[in-house]
Amino acid sequence: MPELSEAELDGLVAYWEAANYLTVAQIYLQDNALLREPLRPEHIKPRLLGHWGTSPGLNLVYAQLNQLIRDTGDEVLYVAGPGHGGPALVANVYLEGTYSEVYPEVSADERGLRRLVRQFSTPGGIPSHVSVPTPGSIHEGGELGYALVHAFGAAFDNPDLLVACVIGDGEAETAPLEGSWKGVRFLNPARDGAVLPILHLNENKISGPTVLGRAPEEEVLQMLAGHGYEADRRRLRPPPGPSRVRCRPRRVPRPDRRDKRGGALRPWLGTPALAGDRPAHAEGLDRAGGGRRRAGRRNLPRPSGSAERRPREP
């Protein structure tokens, strides 16, 4: 794959920053979506849902996959596992224009943007996780543990498909996800697609620190190696120069060979995986007005005067 030009890199970062803004606007705002006037308490939602900590990483993966599709023409599916990462995926679908095609009332203008932020995680609106109303969704993000098994299911009998699956480090602690790592052993290189797991280590879940997020890098890579993956630890942030993450699953065209013991060779060994390191507070404030970072959820206190307010109808 060719390196990014400076113009392409600038465009990728600009897209990522726009997606980040749309994400945080959905989480916090119910009015004044473009900040055309000074922010006041009545502009803030009285009940905040959605995880900012996981969102910048999800947005960056989306932007990078878009660039991959443009460069290669590959057929790519993005499965987002982090539960309350819904605002990030909605932001990207809105930014690329698909959301407005499906929901014309959420138009690509100031009025539509206001409706977008007001409907997020409010009664009669949309959930805080990727769900059925999200265009293109096949995975319910609110029920943790099933992202990777859904990714493998999508790749079976679909040899031209690349499935990039982002796994939150909170979700990685669930029993279904722990069992799902073994799905790579059932992929047949002759007829199935490829799955690229991306373990998103932002160090926190909704209730506190995560095991893998706080574990030494060597332990995380050894765990993935034990499951058959050749993992690479990366910082999930835009590259400082004209480069990109080079990690695409390889197919092994040897499904019929046998080893010395008469069993099938293990073509899954060395399947690429990414361990993406992005602290939950990387794009947010560590401390503001008495609020401080505790988990991957939010890091601002409830604004004075907003507790009794309720979002109005869009």
Protein backbone atom coordinates (compact mmCIF):
# COMPACT_ATOMS: atom_id res chain seq x y z
CA MET A 1 0.00 0.00 0.00
CA PRO A 2 1.34 3.46 -0.84
CA GLU A 3 2.11 5.94 1.90
CA LEU A 4 -0.31 8.74 2.62
CA SER A 5 0.48 12.07 1.07
CA GLU A 6 0.47 15.11 3.32
CA ALA A 7 -2.87 16.17 1.83
CA GLU A 8 -4.37 12.72 2.48
CA LEU A 9 -3.07 12.75 6.05
CA ASP A 10 -4.52 16.21 6.64
CA GLY A 11 -7.86 15.01 5.30
CA LEU A 12 -7.83 11.92 7.50
CA VAL A 13 -7.07 13.96 10.63
CA ALA A 14 -9.73 16.54 9.73
CA TYR A 15 -12.31 13.78 9.24
CA TRP A 16 -11.30 12.20 12.57
CA GLU A 17 -11.60 15.52 14.41
CA ALA A 18 -15.02 16.18 12.88
CA ALA A 19 -16.21 12.70 13.92
CA ASN A 20 -14.88 13.31 17.44
CA TYR A 21 -16.80 16.59 17.69
CA LEU A 22 -20.04 15.00 16.45
CA THR A 23 -19.54 12.23 19.00
CA VAL A 24 -19.05 14.47 22.02
CA ALA A 25 -21.88 16.74 20.88
CA GLN A 26 -24.28 13.78 20.93
CA ILE A 27 -23.20 12.78 24.41
CA TYR A 28 -23.40 16.21 26.04
CA LEU A 29 -25.52 18.65 24.06
CA GLN A 30 -29.24 19.06 23.55
CA ASP A 31 -28.96 22.49 21.94
CA ASN A 32 -26.40 24.92 20.51
CA ALA A 33 -24.84 22.03 18.56
CA LEU A 34 -22.42 24.26 16.61
CA LEU A 35 -21.52 26.38 19.66
CA ARG A 36 -22.56 29.57 17.91
CA GLU A 37 -23.14 31.10 21.33
CA PRO A 38 -21.39 30.63 24.70
CA LEU A 39 -22.25 27.30 26.30
CA ARG A 40 -24.87 27.49 29.05
CA PRO A 41 -26.21 24.84 31.46
CA GLU A 42 -29.51 24.56 29.58
CA HIS A 43 -27.58 23.40 26.49
CA ILE A 44 -26.39 20.28 28.36
CA LYS A 45 -28.41 17.08 28.61
CA PRO A 46 -29.58 16.31 32.15
CA ARG A 47 -28.62 12.63 31.82
CA LEU A 48 -25.37 11.75 30.10
CA LEU A 49 -24.86 8.39 28.41
CA GLY A 50 -22.28 7.18 25.93
CA HIS A 51 -18.60 6.55 26.52
CA TRP A 52 -16.25 9.27 25.34
CA GLY A 53 -13.20 7.21 26.33
CA THR A 54 -13.68 4.59 23.63
CA SER A 55 -14.96 6.94 20.92
CA PRO A 56 -11.80 8.58 19.50
CA GLY A 57 -10.31 5.14 18.88
CA LEU A 58 -13.46 3.92 17.16
CA ASN A 59 -13.50 7.04 15.00
CA LEU A 60 -9.86 6.63 14.01
CA VAL A 61 -10.36 2.98 13.00
CA TYR A 62 -13.37 4.04 10.89
CA ALA A 63 -11.33 6.71 9.13
CA GLN A 64 -8.41 4.35 8.49
CA LEU A 65 -10.70 1.65 7.10
CA ASN A 66 -12.27 4.18 4.76
CA GLN A 67 -8.78 5.01 3.50
CA LEU A 68 -8.03 1.29 3.05
CA ILE A 69 -11.18 0.84 0.96
CA ARG A 70 -10.31 3.84 -1.20
CA ASP A 71 -6.79 2.54 -1.80
CA THR A 72 -7.52 -1.14 -2.40
CA GLY A 73 -11.20 -1.53 -3.23
CA ASP A 74 -11.39 -4.25 -0.55
CA GLU A 75 -14.76 -5.34 0.80
CA VAL A 76 -14.60 -4.41 4.48
CA LEU A 77 -16.99 -4.83 7.40
CA TYR A 78 -16.48 -2.92 10.65
CA VAL A 79 -17.79 -4.57 13.84
CA ALA A 80 -17.66 -2.25 16.86
CA GLY A 81 -17.78 -4.12 20.16
CA PRO A 82 -17.55 -1.36 22.84
CA GLY A 83 -21.02 -1.10 24.33
CA HIS A 84 -21.69 2.62 24.61
CA GLY A 85 -19.59 3.50 21.58
CA GLY A 86 -22.79 4.21 19.68
CA PRO A 87 -22.26 7.97 19.27
CA ALA A 88 -18.99 7.34 17.44
CA LEU A 89 -20.54 5.08 14.82
CA VAL A 90 -23.58 7.33 14.42
CA ALA A 91 -21.23 10.30 13.98
CA ASN A 92 -19.38 8.57 11.14
CA VAL A 93 -22.53 7.40 9.39
CA TYR A 94 -23.89 10.96 9.62
CA LEU A 95 -20.63 12.51 8.47
CA GLU A 96 -20.46 10.35 5.35
CA GLY A 97 -24.09 11.15 4.46
CA THR A 98 -25.67 7.72 4.92
CA TYR A 99 -27.63 8.68 8.02
CA SER A 100 -29.39 11.54 6.25
CA GLU A 101 -30.25 9.25 3.33
CA VAL A 102 -32.02 6.83 5.68
CA TYR A 103 -33.45 9.53 7.95
CA PRO A 104 -34.05 12.65 5.81
CA GLU A 105 -35.26 14.63 8.82
CA VAL A 106 -31.72 14.38 10.25
CA SER A 107 -30.34 16.49 7.44
CA ALA A 108 -26.78 17.62 6.79
CA ASP A 109 -27.33 21.17 8.01
CA GLU A 110 -27.63 22.99 11.33
CA ARG A 111 -31.24 21.95 11.83
CA GLY A 112 -30.43 18.31 11.14
CA LEU A 113 -27.39 18.41 13.41
CA ARG A 114 -29.54 19.78 16.22
CA ARG A 115 -31.94 16.90 15.75
CA LEU A 116 -29.04 14.43 15.71
CA VAL A 117 -27.67 15.53 19.08
CA ARG A 118 -31.10 15.86 20.71
CA GLN A 119 -32.25 12.38 19.72
CA PHE A 120 -29.21 10.60 21.13
CA SER A 121 -29.94 8.63 24.30
CA THR A 122 -33.23 10.41 25.00
CA PRO A 123 -36.79 9.03 25.26
CA GLY A 124 -38.15 8.48 21.78
CA GLY A 125 -34.68 8.91 20.30
CA ILE A 126 -31.89 6.43 19.65
CA PRO A 127 -29.92 4.25 22.12
CA SER A 128 -26.41 5.01 23.35
CA HIS A 129 -25.06 1.87 21.68
CA VAL A 130 -24.99 0.66 18.09
CA SER A 131 -28.42 -0.85 17.59
CA VAL A 132 -31.05 -1.62 14.99
CA PRO A 133 -31.74 2.04 14.01
CA THR A 134 -28.06 2.54 13.11
CA PRO A 135 -27.70 2.14 9.32
CA GLY A 136 -25.65 -0.93 8.42
CA SER A 137 -25.73 -2.46 11.89
CA ILE A 138 -25.56 -6.25 12.28
CA HIS A 139 -24.24 -6.24 15.83
CA GLU A 140 -26.05 -5.07 18.98
CA GLY A 141 -23.39 -3.16 20.89
CA GLY A 142 -25.26 -2.99 24.19
CA GLU A 143 -24.90 -6.69 24.99
CA LEU A 144 -21.18 -7.18 25.51
CA GLY A 145 -19.17 -10.23 24.55
CA TYR A 146 -20.31 -11.15 21.05
CA ALA A 147 -18.43 -8.81 18.74
CA LEU A 148 -15.70 -11.26 17.74
CA VAL A 149 -17.97 -14.25 17.20
CA HIS A 150 -20.19 -12.07 14.98
CA ALA A 151 -17.08 -11.05 13.05
CA PHE A 152 -16.14 -14.67 12.42
CA GLY A 153 -19.71 -15.50 11.45
CA ALA A 154 -19.67 -12.72 8.85
CA ALA A 155 -16.37 -14.00 7.41
CA PHE A 156 -17.47 -17.63 7.01
CA ASP A 157 -18.20 -18.52 3.37
CA ASN A 158 -17.34 -14.97 2.31
CA PRO A 159 -13.79 -15.25 0.95
CA ASP A 160 -13.50 -11.66 -0.27
CA LEU A 161 -14.51 -10.05 3.03
CA LEU A 162 -12.19 -8.42 5.57
CA VAL A 163 -13.85 -7.98 8.97
CA ALA A 164 -12.18 -5.48 11.32
CA CYS A 165 -13.49 -6.11 14.82
CA VAL A 166 -12.84 -3.61 17.61
CA ILE A 167 -12.99 -5.26 21.05
CA GLY A 168 -13.21 -3.06 24.12
CA ASP A 169 -10.98 -4.06 27.01
CA GLY A 170 -14.06 -4.13 29.23
CA GLU A 171 -15.82 -6.46 26.80
CA ALA A 172 -12.67 -8.59 26.70
CA GLU A 173 -13.33 -9.57 30.32
CA THR A 174 -16.62 -11.31 29.44
CA ALA A 175 -16.84 -15.08 29.07
CA PRO A 176 -18.31 -15.06 25.51
CA LEU A 177 -15.48 -12.88 24.21
CA GLU A 178 -12.81 -14.97 25.91
CA GLY A 179 -14.16 -18.02 24.11
CA SER A 180 -14.47 -16.16 20.80
CA TRP A 181 -10.70 -15.84 20.31
CA LYS A 182 -10.72 -19.48 19.27
CA GLY A 183 -12.93 -18.72 16.27
CA VAL A 184 -9.81 -18.20 14.15
CA ARG A 185 -9.25 -21.96 14.28
CA PHE A 186 -12.45 -22.53 12.32
CA LEU A 187 -11.66 -20.19 9.41
CA ASN A 188 -10.88 -22.12 6.24
CA PRO A 189 -8.45 -20.11 4.09
CA ALA A 190 -9.87 -21.76 0.96
CA ARG A 191 -13.41 -20.44 1.35
CA ASP A 192 -13.65 -17.93 4.24
CA GLY A 193 -12.78 -14.30 4.63
CA ALA A 194 -10.34 -12.75 7.09
CA VAL A 195 -10.89 -11.31 10.56
CA LEU A 196 -8.66 -8.62 12.07
CA PRO A 197 -9.25 -8.30 15.83
CA ILE A 198 -8.39 -4.87 17.26
CA LEU A 199 -8.18 -5.00 21.05
CA HIS A 200 -8.92 -1.44 22.17
CA LEU A 201 -6.98 -0.88 25.38
CA ASN A 202 -8.23 2.41 26.77
CA GLU A 203 -7.58 1.25 30.37
CA ASN A 204 -11.12 1.76 31.66
CA LYS A 205 -14.63 0.35 31.50
CA ILE A 206 -17.86 1.86 32.83
CA SER A 207 -17.11 0.89 36.43
CA GLY A 208 -13.33 1.29 36.69
CA PRO A 209 -9.99 -0.05 35.45
CA THR A 210 -9.73 -3.02 33.08
CA VAL A 211 -7.48 -6.04 33.51
CA LEU A 212 -5.91 -5.99 30.05
CA GLY A 213 -5.75 -2.19 29.91
CA ARG A 214 -3.55 -2.15 33.00
CA ALA A 215 -1.58 -5.32 32.14
CA PRO A 216 2.03 -5.13 30.89
CA GLU A 217 2.32 -5.09 27.10
CA GLU A 218 4.21 -8.38 27.07
CA GLU A 219 1.37 -10.18 28.85
CA VAL A 220 -1.23 -8.90 26.41
CA LEU A 221 0.83 -9.94 23.38
CA GLN A 222 1.54 -13.35 24.91
CA MET A 223 -2.16 -13.92 25.51
CA LEU A 224 -2.96 -13.17 21.87
CA ALA A 225 -0.04 -15.32 20.70
CA GLY A 226 -1.43 -18.22 22.73
CA HIS A 227 -4.68 -17.95 20.80
CA GLY A 228 -2.76 -18.06 17.51
CA TYR A 229 -2.45 -14.37 16.66
CA GLU A 230 0.63 -12.40 15.71
CA ALA A 231 -0.22 -9.22 17.54
CA ASP A 232 1.18 -5.73 17.16
CA ARG A 233 0.82 -3.06 19.84
CA ARG A 234 0.01 0.36 18.40
CA ARG A 235 -1.05 3.73 19.71
CA LEU A 236 -4.46 4.57 18.29
CA ARG A 237 -3.71 8.10 17.19
CA PRO A 238 -3.17 9.67 13.77
CA PRO A 239 0.39 9.11 12.48
CA PRO A 240 2.72 12.13 12.74
CA GLY A 241 3.92 11.69 9.16
CA PRO A 242 2.77 10.21 5.84
CA SER A 243 2.35 6.61 7.02
CA ARG A 244 -0.37 4.23 8.16
CA VAL A 245 -0.80 1.04 10.11
CA ARG A 246 0.22 -1.83 7.87
CA CYS A 247 -1.65 -4.81 9.20
CA ARG A 248 -3.83 -6.83 6.86
CA PRO A 249 -4.80 -10.47 7.52
CA ARG A 250 -2.94 -12.99 5.43
CA ARG A 251 -4.55 -16.04 3.86
CA VAL A 252 -2.67 -19.34 3.90
CA PRO A 253 -3.43 -21.37 0.75
CA ARG A 254 -2.64 -24.76 2.29
CA PRO A 255 -5.94 -26.22 3.50
CA ASP A 256 -5.21 -29.82 2.43
CA ARG A 257 -1.71 -30.42 3.77
CA ARG A 258 -1.10 -32.55 6.88
CA ASP A 259 1.54 -32.45 9.57
CA LYS A 260 3.64 -35.41 10.77
CA ARG A 261 0.97 -36.57 13.21
CA GLY A 262 -1.63 -36.87 10.48
CA GLY A 263 -3.64 -33.88 11.64
CA ALA A 264 -4.44 -30.76 9.66
CA LEU A 265 -1.90 -27.97 9.66
CA ARG A 266 -2.85 -24.94 11.73
CA PRO A 267 -3.18 -22.18 9.14
CA TRP A 268 -4.45 -19.72 11.73
CA LEU A 269 -1.08 -19.45 13.48
CA GLY A 270 0.33 -15.99 12.91
CA THR A 271 -3.02 -14.39 12.03
CA PRO A 272 -2.55 -10.63 12.53
CA ALA A 273 -4.20 -8.79 15.39
CA LEU A 274 -3.80 -5.28 16.78
CA ALA A 275 -3.65 -4.23 20.40
CA GLY A 276 -4.55 -0.56 20.19
CA ASP A 277 -3.41 1.52 23.15
CA ARG A 278 -5.46 4.69 23.68
CA PRO A 279 -6.04 5.97 27.22
CA ALA A 280 -9.65 6.94 27.87
CA HIS A 281 -8.71 10.55 28.64
CA ALA A 282 -6.43 11.03 25.62
CA GLU A 283 -8.77 13.48 23.84
CA GLY A 284 -10.59 14.83 26.88
CA LEU A 285 -10.03 16.85 30.02
CA ASP A 286 -8.39 15.15 32.97
CA ARG A 287 -9.97 17.54 35.48
CA ALA A 288 -12.57 20.31 35.18
CA GLY A 289 -14.71 22.07 37.74
CA GLY A 290 -14.30 19.39 40.39
CA GLY A 291 -14.88 16.49 37.95
CA ARG A 292 -12.02 14.15 37.17
CA ARG A 293 -11.32 11.04 35.14
CA ARG A 294 -12.54 7.89 36.86
CA ALA A 295 -13.50 5.54 34.04
CA GLY A 296 -14.18 5.54 30.32
CA ARG A 297 -17.44 7.32 30.64
CA ARG A 298 -17.29 11.08 31.12
CA ASN A 299 -15.00 13.50 32.89
CA LEU A 300 -17.15 16.56 33.52
CA PRO A 301 -19.49 17.13 36.49
CA ARG A 302 -23.20 17.72 36.02
CA PRO A 303 -23.64 21.41 35.16
CA SER A 304 -25.39 23.54 37.72
CA GLY A 305 -28.99 24.22 36.81
CA SER A 306 -29.44 21.30 34.38
CA ALA A 307 -30.64 18.56 36.76
CA GLU A 308 -34.31 19.46 36.57
CA ARG A 309 -34.45 20.00 32.83
CA ARG A 310 -35.73 17.44 30.37
CA PRO A 311 -34.90 17.25 26.67
CA ARG A 312 -37.63 18.66 24.53
CA GLU A 313 -39.01 16.92 21.49
CA PRO A 314 -36.74 17.22 18.40
